[in-house]
PDB file of N, CA and C in Angstrom:
ATOM      1  N   UNK A   1     -61.852  75.246  -9.255  1.00  0.00           N
ATOM      2  CA  UNK A   1     -60.589  74.633  -9.635  1.00  0.00           C
ATOM      3  C   UNK A   1     -60.552  73.215  -9.058  1.00  0.00           C
ATOM      4  N   UNK A   2     -60.255  72.214  -9.898  1.00  0.00           N
ATOM      5  CA  UNK A   2     -60.230  70.836  -9.410  1.00  0.00           C
ATOM      6  C   UNK A   2     -58.899  70.536  -8.711  1.00  0.00           C
ATOM      7  N   UNK A   3     -58.811  69.348  -8.101  1.00  0.00           N
ATOM      8  CA  UNK A   3     -57.632  68.975  -7.317  1.00  0.00           C
ATOM      9  C   UNK A   3     -56.353  68.982  -8.146  1.00  0.00           C
ATOM     10  N   UNK A   4     -56.415  68.462  -9.359  1.00  0.00           N
ATOM     11  CA  UNK A   4     -55.217  68.410 -10.201  1.00  0.00           C
ATOM     12  C   UNK A   4     -54.732  69.817 -10.527  1.00  0.00           C
ATOM     13  N   UNK A   5     -55.633  70.716 -10.828  1.00  0.00           N
ATOM     14  CA  UNK A   5     -55.245  72.096 -11.122  1.00  0.00           C
ATOM     15  C   UNK A   5     -54.628  72.762  -9.890  1.00  0.00           C
ATOM     16  N   UNK A   6     -55.157  72.478  -8.717  1.00  0.00           N
ATOM     17  CA  UNK A   6     -54.603  73.033  -7.477  1.00  0.00           C
ATOM     18  C   UNK A   6     -53.184  72.520  -7.241  1.00  0.00           C
ATOM     19  N   UNK A   7     -52.977  71.232  -7.504  1.00  0.00           N
ATOM     20  CA  UNK A   7     -51.646  70.643  -7.335  1.00  0.00           C
ATOM     21  C   UNK A   7     -50.669  71.264  -8.331  1.00  0.00           C
ATOM     22  N   UNK A   8     -51.105  71.428  -9.569  1.00  0.00           N
ATOM     23  CA  UNK A   8     -50.237  72.051 -10.575  1.00  0.00           C
ATOM     24  C   UNK A   8     -49.827  73.451 -10.140  1.00  0.00           C
ATOM     25  N   UNK A   9     -50.761  74.189  -9.612  1.00  0.00           N
ATOM     26  CA  UNK A   9     -50.464  75.544  -9.170  1.00  0.00           C
ATOM     27  C   UNK A   9     -49.510  75.520  -7.975  1.00  0.00           C
ATOM     28  N   UNK A  10     -49.774  74.658  -7.016  1.00  0.00           N
ATOM     29  CA  UNK A  10     -48.953  74.581  -5.800  1.00  0.00           C
ATOM     30  C   UNK A  10     -47.516  74.172  -6.095  1.00  0.00           C
ATOM     31  N   UNK A  11     -47.337  73.224  -7.025  1.00  0.00           N
ATOM     32  CA  UNK A  11     -46.004  72.712  -7.334  1.00  0.00           C
ATOM     33  C   UNK A  11     -45.419  73.324  -8.611  1.00  0.00           C
ATOM     34  N   UNK A  12     -46.069  74.363  -9.115  1.00  0.00           N
ATOM     35  CA  UNK A  12     -45.617  75.102 -10.302  1.00  0.00           C
ATOM     36  C   UNK A  12     -45.407  74.190 -11.510  1.00  0.00           C
ATOM     37  N   UNK A  13     -46.380  73.316 -11.749  1.00  0.00           N
ATOM     38  CA  UNK A  13     -46.350  72.409 -12.895  1.00  0.00           C
ATOM     39  C   UNK A  13     -47.071  73.080 -14.050  1.00  0.00           C
ATOM     40  N   UNK A  14     -46.398  73.131 -15.186  1.00  0.00           N
ATOM     41  CA  UNK A  14     -46.977  73.763 -16.372  1.00  0.00           C
ATOM     42  C   UNK A  14     -47.322  72.674 -17.379  1.00  0.00           C
ATOM     43  N   UNK A  15     -48.508  72.734 -17.940  1.00  0.00           N
ATOM     44  CA  UNK A  15     -48.924  71.769 -18.952  1.00  0.00           C
ATOM     45  C   UNK A  15     -50.308  71.238 -18.643  1.00  0.00           C
ATOM     46  N   UNK A  16     -51.000  70.829 -19.677  1.00  0.00           N
ATOM     47  CA  UNK A  16     -52.342  70.290 -19.500  1.00  0.00           C
ATOM     48  C   UNK A  16     -52.523  69.088 -20.411  1.00  0.00           C
ATOM     49  N   UNK A  17     -51.602  68.147 -20.299  1.00  0.00           N
ATOM     50  CA  UNK A  17     -51.650  66.951 -21.123  1.00  0.00           C
ATOM     51  C   UNK A  17     -52.318  65.827 -20.348  1.00  0.00           C
ATOM     52  N   UNK A  18     -52.997  64.963 -21.054  1.00  0.00           N
ATOM     53  CA  UNK A  18     -53.698  63.843 -20.417  1.00  0.00           C
ATOM     54  C   UNK A  18     -52.726  62.994 -19.605  1.00  0.00           C
ATOM     55  N   UNK A  19     -51.551  62.696 -20.171  1.00  0.00           N
ATOM     56  CA  UNK A  19     -50.556  61.884 -19.471  1.00  0.00           C
ATOM     57  C   UNK A  19     -50.054  62.539 -18.197  1.00  0.00           C
ATOM     58  N   UNK A  20     -49.837  63.832 -18.240  1.00  0.00           N
ATOM     59  CA  UNK A  20     -49.387  64.577 -17.061  1.00  0.00           C
ATOM     60  C   UNK A  20     -50.462  64.560 -15.980  1.00  0.00           C
ATOM     61  N   UNK A  21     -51.684  64.830 -16.379  1.00  0.00           N
ATOM     62  CA  UNK A  21     -52.793  64.813 -15.419  1.00  0.00           C
ATOM     63  C   UNK A  21     -52.961  63.428 -14.803  1.00  0.00           C
ATOM     64  N   UNK A  22     -52.793  62.390 -15.611  1.00  0.00           N
ATOM     65  CA  UNK A  22     -52.901  61.009 -15.114  1.00  0.00           C
ATOM     66  C   UNK A  22     -51.775  60.715 -14.122  1.00  0.00           C
ATOM     67  N   UNK A  23     -50.561  61.174 -14.419  1.00  0.00           N
ATOM     68  CA  UNK A  23     -49.428  60.955 -13.518  1.00  0.00           C
ATOM     69  C   UNK A  23     -49.662  61.641 -12.172  1.00  0.00           C
ATOM     70  N   UNK A  24     -50.209  62.836 -12.190  1.00  0.00           N
ATOM     71  CA  UNK A  24     -50.524  63.544 -10.947  1.00  0.00           C
ATOM     72  C   UNK A  24     -51.596  62.782 -10.173  1.00  0.00           C
ATOM     73  N   UNK A  25     -52.601  62.281 -10.875  1.00  0.00           N
ATOM     74  CA  UNK A  25     -53.666  61.501 -10.242  1.00  0.00           C
ATOM     75  C   UNK A  25     -53.099  60.243  -9.584  1.00  0.00           C
ATOM     76  N   UNK A  26     -52.191  59.565 -10.271  1.00  0.00           N
ATOM     77  CA  UNK A  26     -51.564  58.359  -9.713  1.00  0.00           C
ATOM     78  C   UNK A  26     -50.731  58.714  -8.484  1.00  0.00           C
ATOM     79  N   UNK A  27     -49.990  59.820  -8.550  1.00  0.00           N
ATOM     80  CA  UNK A  27     -49.192  60.260  -7.397  1.00  0.00           C
ATOM     81  C   UNK A  27     -50.086  60.483  -6.184  1.00  0.00           C
ATOM     82  N   UNK A  28     -51.243  61.064  -6.402  1.00  0.00           N
ATOM     83  CA  UNK A  28     -52.181  61.303  -5.305  1.00  0.00           C
ATOM     84  C   UNK A  28     -52.703  59.982  -4.727  1.00  0.00           C
ATOM     85  N   UNK A  29     -52.964  59.015  -5.589  1.00  0.00           N
ATOM     86  CA  UNK A  29     -53.456  57.716  -5.127  1.00  0.00           C
ATOM     87  C   UNK A  29     -52.385  56.991  -4.314  1.00  0.00           C
ATOM     88  N   UNK A  30     -51.148  57.033  -4.792  1.00  0.00           N
ATOM     89  CA  UNK A  30     -50.040  56.349  -4.128  1.00  0.00           C
ATOM     90  C   UNK A  30     -49.726  56.993  -2.781  1.00  0.00           C
ATOM     91  N   UNK A  31     -49.942  58.292  -2.669  1.00  0.00           N
ATOM     92  CA  UNK A  31     -49.614  59.017  -1.435  1.00  0.00           C
ATOM     93  C   UNK A  31     -50.346  58.459  -0.220  1.00  0.00           C
ATOM     94  N   UNK A  32     -51.507  57.907  -0.419  1.00  0.00           N
ATOM     95  CA  UNK A  32     -52.285  57.384   0.711  1.00  0.00           C
ATOM     96  C   UNK A  32     -51.922  55.943   1.064  1.00  0.00           C
ATOM     97  N   UNK A  33     -50.912  55.383   0.398  1.00  0.00           N
ATOM     98  CA  UNK A  33     -50.492  54.004   0.661  1.00  0.00           C
ATOM     99  C   UNK A  33     -49.103  53.991   1.296  1.00  0.00           C
ATOM    100  N   UNK A  34     -48.635  52.797   1.631  1.00  0.00           N
ATOM    101  CA  UNK A  34     -47.288  52.626   2.179  1.00  0.00           C
ATOM    102  C   UNK A  34     -46.423  51.867   1.171  1.00  0.00           C
ATOM    103  N   UNK A  35     -46.680  52.078  -0.105  1.00  0.00           N
ATOM    104  CA  UNK A  35     -45.964  51.389  -1.168  1.00  0.00           C
ATOM    105  C   UNK A  35     -44.674  52.103  -1.531  1.00  0.00           C
ATOM    106  N   UNK A  36     -43.694  51.330  -2.006  1.00  0.00           N
ATOM    107  CA  UNK A  36     -42.493  51.921  -2.601  1.00  0.00           C
ATOM    108  C   UNK A  36     -42.834  52.286  -4.036  1.00  0.00           C
ATOM    109  N   UNK A  37     -42.271  53.378  -4.522  1.00  0.00           N
ATOM    110  CA  UNK A  37     -42.592  53.865  -5.861  1.00  0.00           C
ATOM    111  C   UNK A  37     -41.303  54.107  -6.628  1.00  0.00           C
ATOM    112  N   UNK A  38     -41.229  53.615  -7.854  1.00  0.00           N
ATOM    113  CA  UNK A  38     -40.103  53.889  -8.745  1.00  0.00           C
ATOM    114  C   UNK A  38     -40.560  54.929  -9.748  1.00  0.00           C
ATOM    115  N   UNK A  39     -39.843  56.032  -9.819  1.00  0.00           N
ATOM    116  CA  UNK A  39     -40.160  57.098 -10.763  1.00  0.00           C
ATOM    117  C   UNK A  39     -39.022  57.151 -11.765  1.00  0.00           C
ATOM    118  N   UNK A  40     -39.333  56.875 -13.020  1.00  0.00           N
ATOM    119  CA  UNK A  40     -38.315  56.828 -14.069  1.00  0.00           C
ATOM    120  C   UNK A  40     -38.742  57.697 -15.238  1.00  0.00           C
ATOM    121  N   UNK A  41     -37.773  58.173 -15.992  1.00  0.00           N
ATOM    122  CA  UNK A  41     -38.083  58.981 -17.161  1.00  0.00           C
ATOM    123  C   UNK A  41     -36.854  59.695 -17.678  1.00  0.00           C
ATOM    124  N   UNK A  42     -37.041  60.383 -18.764  1.00  0.00           N
ATOM    125  CA  UNK A  42     -35.952  61.118 -19.390  1.00  0.00           C
ATOM    126  C   UNK A  42     -35.464  62.246 -18.489  1.00  0.00           C
ATOM    127  N   UNK A  43     -34.219  62.618 -18.679  1.00  0.00           N
ATOM    128  CA  UNK A  43     -33.638  63.738 -17.948  1.00  0.00           C
ATOM    129  C   UNK A  43     -34.380  65.027 -18.293  1.00  0.00           C
ATOM    130  N   UNK A  44     -34.652  65.830 -17.271  1.00  0.00           N
ATOM    131  CA  UNK A  44     -35.293  67.120 -17.491  1.00  0.00           C
ATOM    132  C   UNK A  44     -36.799  67.087 -17.631  1.00  0.00           C
ATOM    133  N   UNK A  45     -37.427  65.980 -17.248  1.00  0.00           N
ATOM    134  CA  UNK A  45     -38.882  65.872 -17.404  1.00  0.00           C
ATOM    135  C   UNK A  45     -39.658  66.189 -16.131  1.00  0.00           C
ATOM    136  N   UNK A  46     -38.970  66.557 -15.058  1.00  0.00           N
ATOM    137  CA  UNK A  46     -39.664  66.938 -13.832  1.00  0.00           C
ATOM    138  C   UNK A  46     -39.929  65.801 -12.868  1.00  0.00           C
ATOM    139  N   UNK A  47     -39.141  64.744 -12.959  1.00  0.00           N
ATOM    140  CA  UNK A  47     -39.352  63.597 -12.069  1.00  0.00           C
ATOM    141  C   UNK A  47     -39.228  63.961 -10.595  1.00  0.00           C
ATOM    142  N   UNK A  48     -38.451  64.993 -10.282  1.00  0.00           N
ATOM    143  CA  UNK A  48     -38.249  65.369  -8.882  1.00  0.00           C
ATOM    144  C   UNK A  48     -39.502  65.952  -8.241  1.00  0.00           C
ATOM    145  N   UNK A  49     -40.464  66.375  -9.033  1.00  0.00           N
ATOM    146  CA  UNK A  49     -41.692  66.968  -8.492  1.00  0.00           C
ATOM    147  C   UNK A  49     -42.627  65.896  -7.929  1.00  0.00           C
ATOM    148  N   UNK A  50     -42.676  64.739  -8.552  1.00  0.00           N
ATOM    149  CA  UNK A  50     -43.635  63.712  -8.142  1.00  0.00           C
ATOM    150  C   UNK A  50     -43.363  63.144  -6.748  1.00  0.00           C
ATOM    151  N   UNK A  51     -42.107  62.899  -6.357  1.00  0.00           N
ATOM    152  CA  UNK A  51     -41.890  62.477  -4.960  1.00  0.00           C
ATOM    153  C   UNK A  51     -42.320  63.550  -3.964  1.00  0.00           C
ATOM    154  N   UNK A  52     -42.165  64.813  -4.335  1.00  0.00           N
ATOM    155  CA  UNK A  52     -42.606  65.901  -3.458  1.00  0.00           C
ATOM    156  C   UNK A  52     -44.129  65.883  -3.301  1.00  0.00           C
ATOM    157  N   UNK A  53     -44.837  65.655  -4.400  1.00  0.00           N
ATOM    158  CA  UNK A  53     -46.301  65.559  -4.336  1.00  0.00           C
ATOM    159  C   UNK A  53     -46.707  64.391  -3.442  1.00  0.00           C
ATOM    160  N   UNK A  54     -46.087  63.233  -3.681  1.00  0.00           N
ATOM    161  CA  UNK A  54     -46.419  62.043  -2.895  1.00  0.00           C
ATOM    162  C   UNK A  54     -46.156  62.303  -1.414  1.00  0.00           C
ATOM    163  N   UNK A  55     -45.008  62.889  -1.106  1.00  0.00           N
ATOM    164  CA  UNK A  55     -44.666  63.162   0.298  1.00  0.00           C
ATOM    165  C   UNK A  55     -45.657  64.135   0.934  1.00  0.00           C
ATOM    166  N   UNK A  56     -45.973  65.211   0.252  1.00  0.00           N
ATOM    167  CA  UNK A  56     -46.850  66.245   0.810  1.00  0.00           C
ATOM    168  C   UNK A  56     -48.274  65.760   1.057  1.00  0.00           C
ATOM    169  N   UNK A  57     -48.705  64.741   0.331  1.00  0.00           N
ATOM    170  CA  UNK A  57     -50.064  64.231   0.495  1.00  0.00           C
ATOM    171  C   UNK A  57     -50.097  62.883   1.212  1.00  0.00           C
ATOM    172  N   UNK A  58     -48.971  62.500   1.822  1.00  0.00           N
ATOM    173  CA  UNK A  58     -48.908  61.234   2.550  1.00  0.00           C
ATOM    174  C   UNK A  58     -49.052  61.472   4.050  1.00  0.00           C
ATOM    175  N   UNK A  59     -49.160  60.385   4.781  1.00  0.00           N
ATOM    176  CA  UNK A  59     -49.241  60.492   6.240  1.00  0.00           C
ATOM    177  C   UNK A  59     -47.894  60.891   6.837  1.00  0.00           C
ATOM    178  N   UNK A  60     -46.839  60.881   6.038  1.00  0.00           N
ATOM    179  CA  UNK A  60     -45.493  61.249   6.499  1.00  0.00           C
ATOM    180  C   UNK A  60     -45.135  62.699   6.181  1.00  0.00           C
ATOM    181  N   UNK A  61     -46.108  63.486   5.785  1.00  0.00           N
ATOM    182  CA  UNK A  61     -45.839  64.850   5.327  1.00  0.00           C
ATOM    183  C   UNK A  61     -45.196  65.740   6.384  1.00  0.00           C
ATOM    184  N   UNK A  62     -45.349  65.398   7.650  1.00  0.00           N
ATOM    185  CA  UNK A  62     -44.739  66.208   8.704  1.00  0.00           C
ATOM    186  C   UNK A  62     -43.303  65.780   8.991  1.00  0.00           C
ATOM    187  N   UNK A  63     -42.877  64.674   8.380  1.00  0.00           N
ATOM    188  CA  UNK A  63     -41.501  64.214   8.536  1.00  0.00           C
ATOM    189  C   UNK A  63     -40.587  64.856   7.506  1.00  0.00           C
ATOM    190  N   UNK A  64     -39.315  64.598   7.645  1.00  0.00           N
ATOM    191  CA  UNK A  64     -38.322  65.180   6.748  1.00  0.00           C
ATOM    192  C   UNK A  64     -38.377  64.515   5.373  1.00  0.00           C
ATOM    193  N   UNK A  65     -38.206  65.312   4.336  1.00  0.00           N
ATOM    194  CA  UNK A  65     -38.140  64.814   2.959  1.00  0.00           C
ATOM    195  C   UNK A  65     -36.704  64.981   2.484  1.00  0.00           C
ATOM    196  N   UNK A  66     -36.086  63.884   2.076  1.00  0.00           N
ATOM    197  CA  UNK A  66     -34.706  63.929   1.602  1.00  0.00           C
ATOM    198  C   UNK A  66     -34.673  63.412   0.173  1.00  0.00           C
ATOM    199  N   UNK A  67     -34.268  64.267  -0.758  1.00  0.00           N
ATOM    200  CA  UNK A  67     -34.141  63.877  -2.165  1.00  0.00           C
ATOM    201  C   UNK A  67     -32.726  63.355  -2.401  1.00  0.00           C
ATOM    202  N   UNK A  68     -32.614  62.252  -3.137  1.00  0.00           N
ATOM    203  CA  UNK A  68     -31.320  61.664  -3.464  1.00  0.00           C
ATOM    204  C   UNK A  68     -31.204  61.578  -4.977  1.00  0.00           C
ATOM    205  N   UNK A  69     -30.143  62.141  -5.526  1.00  0.00           N
ATOM    206  CA  UNK A  69     -29.875  62.048  -6.954  1.00  0.00           C
ATOM    207  C   UNK A  69     -29.136  60.740  -7.199  1.00  0.00           C
ATOM    208  N   UNK A  70     -29.865  59.709  -7.584  1.00  0.00           N
ATOM    209  CA  UNK A  70     -29.268  58.385  -7.779  1.00  0.00           C
ATOM    210  C   UNK A  70     -28.257  58.377  -8.922  1.00  0.00           C
ATOM    211  N   UNK A  71     -28.396  59.293  -9.868  1.00  0.00           N
ATOM    212  CA  UNK A  71     -27.442  59.390 -10.970  1.00  0.00           C
ATOM    213  C   UNK A  71     -26.067  59.822 -10.509  1.00  0.00           C
ATOM    214  N   UNK A  72     -25.979  60.440  -9.346  1.00  0.00           N
ATOM    215  CA  UNK A  72     -24.698  60.903  -8.814  1.00  0.00           C
ATOM    216  C   UNK A  72     -23.991  59.833  -7.982  1.00  0.00           C
ATOM    217  N   UNK A  73     -24.651  58.709  -7.736  1.00  0.00           N
ATOM    218  CA  UNK A  73     -24.062  57.630  -6.947  1.00  0.00           C
ATOM    219  C   UNK A  73     -23.297  56.710  -7.893  1.00  0.00           C
ATOM    220  N   UNK A  74     -22.002  56.468  -7.619  1.00  0.00           N
ATOM    221  CA  UNK A  74     -21.217  55.601  -8.502  1.00  0.00           C
ATOM    222  C   UNK A  74     -21.824  54.198  -8.603  1.00  0.00           C
ATOM    223  N   UNK A  75     -21.753  53.631  -9.791  1.00  0.00           N
ATOM    224  CA  UNK A  75     -22.288  52.289 -10.034  1.00  0.00           C
ATOM    225  C   UNK A  75     -21.592  51.289  -9.120  1.00  0.00           C
ATOM    226  N   UNK A  76     -22.344  50.380  -8.551  1.00  0.00           N
ATOM    227  CA  UNK A  76     -21.805  49.357  -7.668  1.00  0.00           C
ATOM    228  C   UNK A  76     -21.751  49.770  -6.207  1.00  0.00           C
ATOM    229  N   UNK A  77     -22.101  51.011  -5.894  1.00  0.00           N
ATOM    230  CA  UNK A  77     -22.075  51.491  -4.513  1.00  0.00           C
ATOM    231  C   UNK A  77     -23.231  50.917  -3.708  1.00  0.00           C
ATOM    232  N   UNK A  78     -24.383  50.788  -4.340  1.00  0.00           N
ATOM    233  CA  UNK A  78     -25.575  50.277  -3.663  1.00  0.00           C
ATOM    234  C   UNK A  78     -25.879  48.878  -4.179  1.00  0.00           C
ATOM    235  N   UNK A  79     -26.064  47.944  -3.261  1.00  0.00           N
ATOM    236  CA  UNK A  79     -26.404  46.567  -3.651  1.00  0.00           C
ATOM    237  C   UNK A  79     -27.872  46.331  -3.499  1.00  0.00           C
TER     238      UNK A  79
END
């Protein structure tokens, strides 16, 4: 089983599309950096899984992970 398949199994990701596999590969690459990442997409597409992947494979994996639903923050609250 390759790394992408292991990640899919661990994070319960269903699908075997080239774009999905590429997104997982990019998440793994970004995890080893100290870059900020913007994850955007349609509602219900599983965007919440990718920050979890990045966190779990980063040097900060032993720290706390806090998910924030930016859609729930009123417009103009954050500058």
